[in-house]
Amino acid sequence: PGTQVMSWISLREYTRIVEFLLTRDDVTGPVNMTAPGPVSN
C-alpha cells in the first residue's frame, strides 16, 4: 500500500552512534538505532 512506516538509519550514522555510545557510561539497555525521521514506503 505504500503507507507502511519504515524506520531507517544510514550506515555512516550507525558507525557514529556506536562511537558515541562508548563515551556515555550512563547509557545501557536497548537503544533504537533509527533516525528521527521515519517515512512511509
ModelCIF file with pLDDT and N, C-alpha, C, O atoms, coordinates in Angstrom:
data_MODEL
#
_entry.id   MODEL 
#
_entity.id                         1 
_entity.type                       polymer 
_entity.pdbx_number_of_molecules   1 
#
_entity_poly.entity_id                      1 
_entity_poly.type                           'polypeptide(L)' 
_entity_poly.nstd_linkage                   no 
_entity_poly.nstd_monomer                   no 
_entity_poly.pdbx_seq_one_letter_code       PGTQVMSWISLREYTRIVEFLLTRDDVTGPVNMTAPGPVSN 
_entity_poly.pdbx_seq_one_letter_code_can   PGTQVMSWISLREYTRIVEFLLTRDDVTGPVNMTAPGPVSN 
_entity_poly.pdbx_strand_id                 A 
#
loop_
_entity_poly_seq.entity_id 
_entity_poly_seq.num 
_entity_poly_seq.mon_id 
_entity_poly_seq.hetero 
1 1  PRO n 
1 2  GLY n 
1 3  THR n 
1 4  GLN n 
1 5  VAL n 
1 6  MET n 
1 7  SER n 
1 8  TRP n 
1 9  ILE n 
1 10 SER n 
1 11 LEU n 
1 12 ARG n 
1 13 GLU n 
1 14 TYR n 
1 15 THR n 
1 16 ARG n 
1 17 ILE n 
1 18 VAL n 
1 19 GLU n 
1 20 PHE n 
1 21 LEU n 
1 22 LEU n 
1 23 THR n 
1 24 ARG n 
1 25 ASP n 
1 26 ASP n 
1 27 VAL n 
1 28 THR n 
1 29 GLY n 
1 30 PRO n 
1 31 VAL n 
1 32 ASN n 
1 33 MET n 
1 34 THR n 
1 35 ALA n 
1 36 PRO n 
1 37 GLY n 
1 38 PRO n 
1 39 VAL n 
1 40 SER n 
1 41 ASN n 
#
_struct_asym.id          A 
_struct_asym.entity_id   1 
#
loop_
_ma_qa_metric.id 
_ma_qa_metric.mode 
_ma_qa_metric.name 
_ma_qa_metric.software_group_id 
_ma_qa_metric.type 
1 global pLDDT . pLDDT 
2 local  pLDDT . pLDDT 
#
_ma_qa_metric_global.metric_id      1 
_ma_qa_metric_global.metric_value   95.78 
_ma_qa_metric_global.model_id       1 
_ma_qa_metric_global.ordinal_id     1 
#
loop_
_ma_qa_metric_local.label_asym_id 
_ma_qa_metric_local.label_comp_id 
_ma_qa_metric_local.label_seq_id 
_ma_qa_metric_local.metric_id 
_ma_qa_metric_local.metric_value 
_ma_qa_metric_local.model_id 
_ma_qa_metric_local.ordinal_id 
A PRO 1  2 87.00 1 1  
A GLY 2  2 91.00 1 2  
A THR 3  2 92.00 1 3  
A GLN 4  2 93.00 1 4  
A VAL 5  2 95.00 1 5  
A MET 6  2 93.00 1 6  
A SER 7  2 96.00 1 7  
A TRP 8  2 96.00 1 8  
A ILE 9  2 97.00 1 9  
A SER 10 2 97.00 1 10 
A LEU 11 2 97.00 1 11 
A ARG 12 2 96.00 1 12 
A GLU 13 2 98.00 1 13 
A TYR 14 2 98.00 1 14 
A THR 15 2 97.00 1 15 
A ARG 16 2 97.00 1 16 
A ILE 17 2 98.00 1 17 
A VAL 18 2 98.00 1 18 
A GLU 19 2 96.00 1 19 
A PHE 20 2 97.00 1 20 
A LEU 21 2 97.00 1 21 
A LEU 22 2 94.00 1 22 
A THR 23 2 93.00 1 23 
A ARG 24 2 94.00 1 24 
A ASP 25 2 94.00 1 25 
A ASP 26 2 95.00 1 26 
A VAL 27 2 97.00 1 27 
A THR 28 2 97.00 1 28 
A GLY 29 2 98.00 1 29 
A PRO 30 2 98.00 1 30 
A VAL 31 2 98.00 1 31 
A ASN 32 2 98.00 1 32 
A MET 33 2 98.00 1 33 
A THR 34 2 98.00 1 34 
A ALA 35 2 98.00 1 35 
A PRO 36 2 97.00 1 36 
A GLY 37 2 94.00 1 37 
A PRO 38 2 96.00 1 38 
A VAL 39 2 96.00 1 39 
A SER 40 2 95.00 1 40 
A ASN 41 2 93.00 1 41 
#
loop_
_atom_site.group_PDB 
_atom_site.id 
_atom_site.type_symbol 
_atom_site.label_atom_id 
_atom_site.label_alt_id 
_atom_site.label_comp_id 
_atom_site.label_asym_id 
_atom_site.label_entity_id 
_atom_site.label_seq_id 
_atom_site.pdbx_PDB_ins_code 
_atom_site.Cartn_x 
_atom_site.Cartn_y 
_atom_site.Cartn_z 
_atom_site.occupancy 
_atom_site.B_iso_or_equiv 
_atom_site.pdbx_formal_charge 
_atom_site.auth_seq_id 
_atom_site.auth_comp_id 
_atom_site.auth_asym_id 
_atom_site.auth_atom_id 
_atom_site.pdbx_PDB_model_num 
ATOM 1   N N  . PRO A 1 1  ? 0.803  -1.228 0.000  1.00 87.00 ? 1  PRO A N  1 
ATOM 2   C CA . PRO A 1 1  ? 0.000  0.000  0.000  1.00 87.00 ? 1  PRO A CA 1 
ATOM 3   C C  . PRO A 1 1  ? 0.832  1.272  0.000  1.00 87.00 ? 1  PRO A C  1 
ATOM 4   O O  . PRO A 1 1  ? 0.351  2.332  -0.399 1.00 87.00 ? 1  PRO A O  1 
ATOM 5   N N  . GLY A 1 2  ? 2.082  1.169  0.447  1.00 91.00 ? 2  GLY A N  1 
ATOM 6   C CA . GLY A 1 2  ? 2.946  2.352  0.496  1.00 91.00 ? 2  GLY A CA 1 
ATOM 7   C C  . GLY A 1 2  ? 2.749  3.188  1.739  1.00 91.00 ? 2  GLY A C  1 
ATOM 8   O O  . GLY A 1 2  ? 3.491  4.146  1.956  1.00 91.00 ? 2  GLY A O  1 
ATOM 9   N N  . THR A 1 3  ? 1.767  2.851  2.565  1.00 92.00 ? 3  THR A N  1 
ATOM 10  C CA . THR A 1 3  ? 1.505  3.626  3.776  1.00 92.00 ? 3  THR A CA 1 
ATOM 11  C C  . THR A 1 3  ? 2.298  3.124  4.970  1.00 92.00 ? 3  THR A C  1 
ATOM 12  O O  . THR A 1 3  ? 2.385  3.815  5.984  1.00 92.00 ? 3  THR A O  1 
ATOM 13  N N  . GLN A 1 4  ? 2.881  1.927  4.869  1.00 93.00 ? 4  GLN A N  1 
ATOM 14  C CA . GLN A 1 4  ? 3.616  1.353  6.000  1.00 93.00 ? 4  GLN A CA 1 
ATOM 15  C C  . GLN A 1 4  ? 4.851  2.194  6.311  1.00 93.00 ? 4  GLN A C  1 
ATOM 16  O O  . GLN A 1 4  ? 5.557  2.641  5.407  1.00 93.00 ? 4  GLN A O  1 
ATOM 17  N N  . VAL A 1 5  ? 5.101  2.402  7.602  1.00 95.00 ? 5  VAL A N  1 
ATOM 18  C CA . VAL A 1 5  ? 6.193  3.272  8.044  1.00 95.00 ? 5  VAL A CA 1 
ATOM 19  C C  . VAL A 1 5  ? 7.486  2.483  8.132  1.00 95.00 ? 5  VAL A C  1 
ATOM 20  O O  . VAL A 1 5  ? 7.519  1.381  8.680  1.00 95.00 ? 5  VAL A O  1 
ATOM 21  N N  . MET A 1 6  ? 8.551  3.058  7.587  1.00 93.00 ? 6  MET A N  1 
ATOM 22  C CA . MET A 1 6  ? 9.878  2.435  7.578  1.00 93.00 ? 6  MET A CA 1 
ATOM 23  C C  . MET A 1 6  ? 10.799 3.234  8.501  1.00 93.00 ? 6  MET A C  1 
ATOM 24  O O  . MET A 1 6  ? 10.984 4.437  8.313  1.00 93.00 ? 6  MET A O  1 
ATOM 25  N N  . SER A 1 7  ? 11.364 2.571  9.478  1.00 96.00 ? 7  SER A N  1 
ATOM 26  C CA . SER A 1 7  ? 12.316 3.207  10.392 1.00 96.00 ? 7  SER A CA 1 
ATOM 27  C C  . SER A 1 7  ? 13.714 2.825  9.946  1.00 96.00 ? 7  SER A C  1 
ATOM 28  O O  . SER A 1 7  ? 14.052 1.642  9.914  1.00 96.00 ? 7  SER A O  1 
ATOM 29  N N  . TRP A 1 8  ? 14.527 3.804  9.603  1.00 96.00 ? 8  TRP A N  1 
ATOM 30  C CA . TRP A 1 8  ? 15.781 3.589  8.899  1.00 96.00 ? 8  TRP A CA 1 
ATOM 31  C C  . TRP A 1 8  ? 16.926 4.289  9.622  1.00 96.00 ? 8  TRP A C  1 
ATOM 32  O O  . TRP A 1 8  ? 16.719 5.110  10.516 1.00 96.00 ? 8  TRP A O  1 
ATOM 33  N N  . ILE A 1 9  ? 18.143 3.935  9.203  1.00 97.00 ? 9  ILE A N  1 
ATOM 34  C CA . ILE A 1 9  ? 19.363 4.606  9.693  1.00 97.00 ? 9  ILE A CA 1 
ATOM 35  C C  . ILE A 1 9  ? 20.411 4.487  8.591  1.00 97.00 ? 9  ILE A C  1 
ATOM 36  O O  . ILE A 1 9  ? 20.535 3.426  7.979  1.00 97.00 ? 9  ILE A O  1 
ATOM 37  N N  . SER A 1 10 ? 21.159 5.537  8.327  1.00 97.00 ? 10 SER A N  1 
ATOM 38  C CA . SER A 1 10 ? 22.233 5.423  7.332  1.00 97.00 ? 10 SER A CA 1 
ATOM 39  C C  . SER A 1 10 ? 23.415 4.706  7.961  1.00 97.00 ? 10 SER A C  1 
ATOM 40  O O  . SER A 1 10 ? 23.634 4.794  9.169  1.00 97.00 ? 10 SER A O  1 
ATOM 41  N N  . LEU A 1 11 ? 24.172 3.997  7.139  1.00 97.00 ? 11 LEU A N  1 
ATOM 42  C CA . LEU A 1 11 ? 25.331 3.262  7.660  1.00 97.00 ? 11 LEU A CA 1 
ATOM 43  C C  . LEU A 1 11 ? 26.345 4.211  8.276  1.00 97.00 ? 11 LEU A C  1 
ATOM 44  O O  . LEU A 1 11 ? 26.947 3.887  9.299  1.00 97.00 ? 11 LEU A O  1 
ATOM 45  N N  . ARG A 1 12 ? 26.544 5.365  7.677  1.00 96.00 ? 12 ARG A N  1 
ATOM 46  C CA . ARG A 1 12 ? 27.500 6.337  8.222  1.00 96.00 ? 12 ARG A CA 1 
ATOM 47  C C  . ARG A 1 12 ? 27.049 6.806  9.605  1.00 96.00 ? 12 ARG A C  1 
ATOM 48  O O  . ARG A 1 12 ? 27.871 6.965  10.507 1.00 96.00 ? 12 ARG A O  1 
ATOM 49  N N  . GLU A 1 13 ? 25.749 7.025  9.771  1.00 98.00 ? 13 GLU A N  1 
ATOM 50  C CA . GLU A 1 13 ? 25.223 7.434  11.072 1.00 98.00 ? 13 GLU A CA 1 
ATOM 51  C C  . GLU A 1 13 ? 25.416 6.324  12.097 1.00 98.00 ? 13 GLU A C  1 
ATOM 52  O O  . GLU A 1 13 ? 25.766 6.581  13.249 1.00 98.00 ? 13 GLU A O  1 
ATOM 53  N N  . TYR A 1 14 ? 25.186 5.101  11.668 1.00 98.00 ? 14 TYR A N  1 
ATOM 54  C CA . TYR A 1 14 ? 25.299 3.956  12.565 1.00 98.00 ? 14 TYR A CA 1 
ATOM 55  C C  . TYR A 1 14 ? 26.689 3.896  13.204 1.00 98.00 ? 14 TYR A C  1 
ATOM 56  O O  . TYR A 1 14 ? 26.808 3.716  14.415 1.00 98.00 ? 14 TYR A O  1 
ATOM 57  N N  . THR A 1 15 ? 27.723 4.045  12.402 1.00 97.00 ? 15 THR A N  1 
ATOM 58  C CA . THR A 1 15 ? 29.081 3.965  12.945 1.00 97.00 ? 15 THR A CA 1 
ATOM 59  C C  . THR A 1 15 ? 29.360 5.131  13.893 1.00 97.00 ? 15 THR A C  1 
ATOM 60  O O  . THR A 1 15 ? 30.068 4.961  14.885 1.00 97.00 ? 15 THR A O  1 
ATOM 61  N N  . ARG A 1 16 ? 28.819 6.297  13.604 1.00 97.00 ? 16 ARG A N  1 
ATOM 62  C CA . ARG A 1 16 ? 28.978 7.444  14.503 1.00 97.00 ? 16 ARG A CA 1 
ATOM 63  C C  . ARG A 1 16 ? 28.295 7.186  15.840 1.00 97.00 ? 16 ARG A C  1 
ATOM 64  O O  . ARG A 1 16 ? 28.834 7.524  16.894 1.00 97.00 ? 16 ARG A O  1 
ATOM 65  N N  . ILE A 1 17 ? 27.099 6.581  15.795 1.00 98.00 ? 17 ILE A N  1 
ATOM 66  C CA . ILE A 1 17 ? 26.357 6.305  17.022 1.00 98.00 ? 17 ILE A CA 1 
ATOM 67  C C  . ILE A 1 17 ? 27.118 5.330  17.901 1.00 98.00 ? 17 ILE A C  1 
ATOM 68  O O  . ILE A 1 17 ? 27.196 5.521  19.115 1.00 98.00 ? 17 ILE A O  1 
ATOM 69  N N  . VAL A 1 18 ? 27.681 4.287  17.306 1.00 98.00 ? 18 VAL A N  1 
ATOM 70  C CA . VAL A 1 18 ? 28.438 3.307  18.095 1.00 98.00 ? 18 VAL A CA 1 
ATOM 71  C C  . VAL A 1 18 ? 29.565 3.995  18.852 1.00 98.00 ? 18 VAL A C  1 
ATOM 72  O O  . VAL A 1 18 ? 29.750 3.748  20.044 1.00 98.00 ? 18 VAL A O  1 
ATOM 73  N N  . GLU A 1 19 ? 30.313 4.847  18.182 1.00 96.00 ? 19 GLU A N  1 
ATOM 74  C CA . GLU A 1 19 ? 31.406 5.529  18.869 1.00 96.00 ? 19 GLU A CA 1 
ATOM 75  C C  . GLU A 1 19 ? 30.868 6.493  19.927 1.00 96.00 ? 19 GLU A C  1 
ATOM 76  O O  . GLU A 1 19 ? 31.503 6.670  20.967 1.00 96.00 ? 19 GLU A O  1 
ATOM 77  N N  . PHE A 1 20 ? 29.727 7.111  19.691 1.00 97.00 ? 20 PHE A N  1 
ATOM 78  C CA . PHE A 1 20 ? 29.108 7.970  20.700 1.00 97.00 ? 20 PHE A CA 1 
ATOM 79  C C  . PHE A 1 20 ? 28.732 7.174  21.941 1.00 97.00 ? 20 PHE A C  1 
ATOM 80  O O  . PHE A 1 20 ? 28.975 7.622  23.062 1.00 97.00 ? 20 PHE A O  1 
ATOM 81  N N  . LEU A 1 21 ? 28.141 5.995  21.752 1.00 97.00 ? 21 LEU A N  1 
ATOM 82  C CA . LEU A 1 21 ? 27.711 5.184  22.889 1.00 97.00 ? 21 LEU A CA 1 
ATOM 83  C C  . LEU A 1 21 ? 28.875 4.788  23.787 1.00 97.00 ? 21 LEU A C  1 
ATOM 84  O O  . LEU A 1 21 ? 28.701 4.606  24.992 1.00 97.00 ? 21 LEU A O  1 
ATOM 85  N N  . LEU A 1 22 ? 30.039 4.657  23.211 1.00 94.00 ? 22 LEU A N  1 
ATOM 86  C CA . LEU A 1 22 ? 31.210 4.283  24.011 1.00 94.00 ? 22 LEU A CA 1 
ATOM 87  C C  . LEU A 1 22 ? 31.636 5.395  24.949 1.00 94.00 ? 22 LEU A C  1 
ATOM 88  O O  . LEU A 1 22 ? 32.363 5.149  25.912 1.00 94.00 ? 22 LEU A O  1 
ATOM 89  N N  . THR A 1 23 ? 31.197 6.609  24.683 1.00 93.00 ? 23 THR A N  1 
ATOM 90  C CA . THR A 1 23 ? 31.562 7.748  25.529 1.00 93.00 ? 23 THR A CA 1 
ATOM 91  C C  . THR A 1 23 ? 30.544 8.003  26.632 1.00 93.00 ? 23 THR A C  1 
ATOM 92  O O  . THR A 1 23 ? 30.758 8.863  27.486 1.00 93.00 ? 23 THR A O  1 
ATOM 93  N N  . ARG A 1 24 ? 29.430 7.258  26.621 1.00 94.00 ? 24 ARG A N  1 
ATOM 94  C CA . ARG A 1 24 ? 28.352 7.518  27.565 1.00 94.00 ? 24 ARG A CA 1 
ATOM 95  C C  . ARG A 1 24 ? 28.137 6.319  28.475 1.00 94.00 ? 24 ARG A C  1 
ATOM 96  O O  . ARG A 1 24 ? 27.373 5.410  28.148 1.00 94.00 ? 24 ARG A O  1 
ATOM 97  N N  . ASP A 1 25 ? 28.814 6.320  29.623 1.00 94.00 ? 25 ASP A N  1 
ATOM 98  C CA . ASP A 1 25 ? 28.704 5.210  30.558 1.00 94.00 ? 25 ASP A CA 1 
ATOM 99  C C  . ASP A 1 25 ? 27.308 5.074  31.151 1.00 94.00 ? 25 ASP A C  1 
ATOM 100 O O  . ASP A 1 25 ? 26.975 4.030  31.712 1.00 94.00 ? 25 ASP A O  1 
ATOM 101 N N  . ASP A 1 26 ? 26.485 6.115  31.036 1.00 95.00 ? 26 ASP A N  1 
ATOM 102 C CA . ASP A 1 26 ? 25.152 6.086  31.616 1.00 95.00 ? 26 ASP A CA 1 
ATOM 103 C C  . ASP A 1 26 ? 24.120 5.435  30.706 1.00 95.00 ? 26 ASP A C  1 
ATOM 104 O O  . ASP A 1 26 ? 22.988 5.204  31.132 1.00 95.00 ? 26 ASP A O  1 
ATOM 105 N N  . VAL A 1 27 ? 24.484 5.135  29.468 1.00 97.00 ? 27 VAL A N  1 
ATOM 106 C CA . VAL A 1 27 ? 23.540 4.522  28.538 1.00 97.00 ? 27 VAL A CA 1 
ATOM 107 C C  . VAL A 1 27 ? 23.683 3.008  28.611 1.00 97.00 ? 27 VAL A C  1 
ATOM 108 O O  . VAL A 1 27 ? 24.771 2.463  28.420 1.00 97.00 ? 27 VAL A O  1 
ATOM 109 N N  . THR A 1 28 ? 22.576 2.341  28.889 1.00 97.00 ? 28 THR A N  1 
ATOM 110 C CA . THR A 1 28 ? 22.583 0.884  28.965 1.00 97.00 ? 28 THR A CA 1 
ATOM 111 C C  . THR A 1 28 ? 21.216 0.373  28.540 1.00 97.00 ? 28 THR A C  1 
ATOM 112 O O  . THR A 1 28 ? 20.251 1.134  28.490 1.00 97.00 ? 28 THR A O  1 
ATOM 113 N N  . GLY A 1 29 ? 21.134 -0.921 28.232 1.00 98.00 ? 29 GLY A N  1 
ATOM 114 C CA . GLY A 1 29 ? 19.865 -1.490 27.801 1.00 98.00 ? 29 GLY A CA 1 
ATOM 115 C C  . GLY A 1 29 ? 19.600 -1.235 26.328 1.00 98.00 ? 29 GLY A C  1 
ATOM 116 O O  . GLY A 1 29 ? 20.534 -0.983 25.567 1.00 98.00 ? 29 GLY A O  1 
ATOM 117 N N  . PRO A 1 30 ? 18.335 -1.297 25.912 1.00 98.00 ? 30 PRO A N  1 
ATOM 118 C CA . PRO A 1 30 ? 18.017 -1.158 24.482 1.00 98.00 ? 30 PRO A CA 1 
ATOM 119 C C  . PRO A 1 30 ? 18.206 0.265  23.978 1.00 98.00 ? 30 PRO A C  1 
ATOM 120 O O  . PRO A 1 30 ? 17.888 1.233  24.669 1.00 98.00 ? 30 PRO A O  1 
ATOM 121 N N  . VAL A 1 31 ? 18.728 0.373  22.764 1.00 98.00 ? 31 VAL A N  1 
ATOM 122 C CA . VAL A 1 31 ? 18.881 1.654  22.074 1.00 98.00 ? 31 VAL A CA 1 
ATOM 123 C C  . VAL A 1 31 ? 18.352 1.478  20.655 1.00 98.00 ? 31 VAL A C  1 
ATOM 124 O O  . VAL A 1 31 ? 18.823 0.616  19.913 1.00 98.00 ? 31 VAL A O  1 
ATOM 125 N N  . ASN A 1 32 ? 17.381 2.290  20.287 1.00 98.00 ? 32 ASN A N  1 
ATOM 126 C CA . ASN A 1 32 ? 16.849 2.236  18.926 1.00 98.00 ? 32 ASN A CA 1 
ATOM 127 C C  . ASN A 1 32 ? 17.828 2.899  17.966 1.00 98.00 ? 32 ASN A C  1 
ATOM 128 O O  . ASN A 1 32 ? 18.089 4.099  18.053 1.00 98.00 ? 32 ASN A O  1 
ATOM 129 N N  . MET A 1 33 ? 18.364 2.100  17.053 1.00 98.00 ? 33 MET A N  1 
ATOM 130 C CA . MET A 1 33 ? 19.310 2.591  16.051 1.00 98.00 ? 33 MET A CA 1 
ATOM 131 C C  . MET A 1 33 ? 18.512 2.986  14.809 1.00 98.00 ? 33 MET A C  1 
ATOM 132 O O  . MET A 1 33 ? 18.529 2.308  13.782 1.00 98.00 ? 33 MET A O  1 
ATOM 133 N N  . THR A 1 34 ? 17.815 4.113  14.950 1.00 98.00 ? 34 THR A N  1 
ATOM 134 C CA . THR A 1 34 ? 16.981 4.631  13.875 1.00 98.00 ? 34 THR A CA 1 
ATOM 135 C C  . THR A 1 34 ? 17.114 6.146  13.842 1.00 98.00 ? 34 THR A C  1 
ATOM 136 O O  . THR A 1 34 ? 17.412 6.776  14.856 1.00 98.00 ? 34 THR A O  1 
ATOM 137 N N  . ALA A 1 35 ? 16.893 6.716  12.684 1.00 98.00 ? 35 ALA A N  1 
ATOM 138 C CA . ALA A 1 35 ? 16.895 8.169  12.548 1.00 98.00 ? 35 ALA A CA 1 
ATOM 139 C C  . ALA A 1 35 ? 15.578 8.735  13.082 1.00 98.00 ? 35 ALA A C  1 
ATOM 140 O O  . ALA A 1 35 ? 14.583 8.012  13.138 1.00 98.00 ? 35 ALA A O  1 
ATOM 141 N N  . PRO A 1 36 ? 15.552 9.997  13.471 1.00 97.00 ? 36 PRO A N  1 
ATOM 142 C CA . PRO A 1 36 ? 14.319 10.586 14.000 1.00 97.00 ? 36 PRO A CA 1 
ATOM 143 C C  . PRO A 1 36 ? 13.281 10.927 12.941 1.00 97.00 ? 36 PRO A C  1 
ATOM 144 O O  . PRO A 1 36 ? 12.208 11.430 13.275 1.00 97.00 ? 36 PRO A O  1 
ATOM 145 N N  . GLY A 1 37 ? 13.583 10.661 11.653 1.00 94.00 ? 37 GLY A N  1 
ATOM 146 C CA . GLY A 1 37 ? 12.649 10.973 10.578 1.00 94.00 ? 37 GLY A CA 1 
ATOM 147 C C  . GLY A 1 37 ? 12.181 9.746  9.819  1.00 94.00 ? 37 GLY A C  1 
ATOM 148 O O  . GLY A 1 37 ? 12.511 9.607  8.642  1.00 94.00 ? 37 GLY A O  1 
ATOM 149 N N  . PRO A 1 38 ? 11.410 8.830  10.456 1.00 96.00 ? 38 PRO A N  1 
ATOM 150 C CA . PRO A 1 38 ? 10.884 7.677  9.714  1.00 96.00 ? 38 PRO A CA 1 
ATOM 151 C C  . PRO A 1 38 ? 9.952  8.133  8.606  1.00 96.00 ? 38 PRO A C  1 
ATOM 152 O O  . PRO A 1 38 ? 9.396  9.230  8.664  1.00 96.00 ? 38 PRO A O  1 
ATOM 153 N N  . VAL A 1 39 ? 9.783  7.292  7.598  1.00 96.00 ? 39 VAL A N  1 
ATOM 154 C CA . VAL A 1 39 ? 8.980  7.666  6.428  1.00 96.00 ? 39 VAL A CA 1 
ATOM 155 C C  . VAL A 1 39 ? 8.063  6.520  6.034  1.00 96.00 ? 39 VAL A C  1 
ATOM 156 O O  . VAL A 1 39 ? 8.293  5.371  6.411  1.00 96.00 ? 39 VAL A O  1 
ATOM 157 N N  . SER A 1 40 ? 7.032  6.837  5.281  1.00 95.00 ? 40 SER A N  1 
ATOM 158 C CA . SER A 1 40 ? 6.200  5.785  4.685  1.00 95.00 ? 40 SER A CA 1 
ATOM 159 C C  . SER A 1 40 ? 6.968  5.172  3.519  1.00 95.00 ? 40 SER A C  1 
ATOM 160 O O  . SER A 1 40 ? 7.930  5.750  3.013  1.00 95.00 ? 40 SER A O  1 
ATOM 161 N N  . ASN A 1 41 ? 6.525  4.000  3.110  1.00 93.00 ? 41 ASN A N  1 
ATOM 162 C CA . ASN A 1 41 ? 7.177  3.371  1.957  1.00 93.00 ? 41 ASN A CA 1 
ATOM 163 C C  . ASN A 1 41 ? 7.012  4.214  0.705  1.00 93.00 ? 41 ASN A C  1 
ATOM 164 O O  . ASN A 1 41 ? 7.498  3.837  -0.361 1.00 93.00 ? 41 ASN A O  1 
#
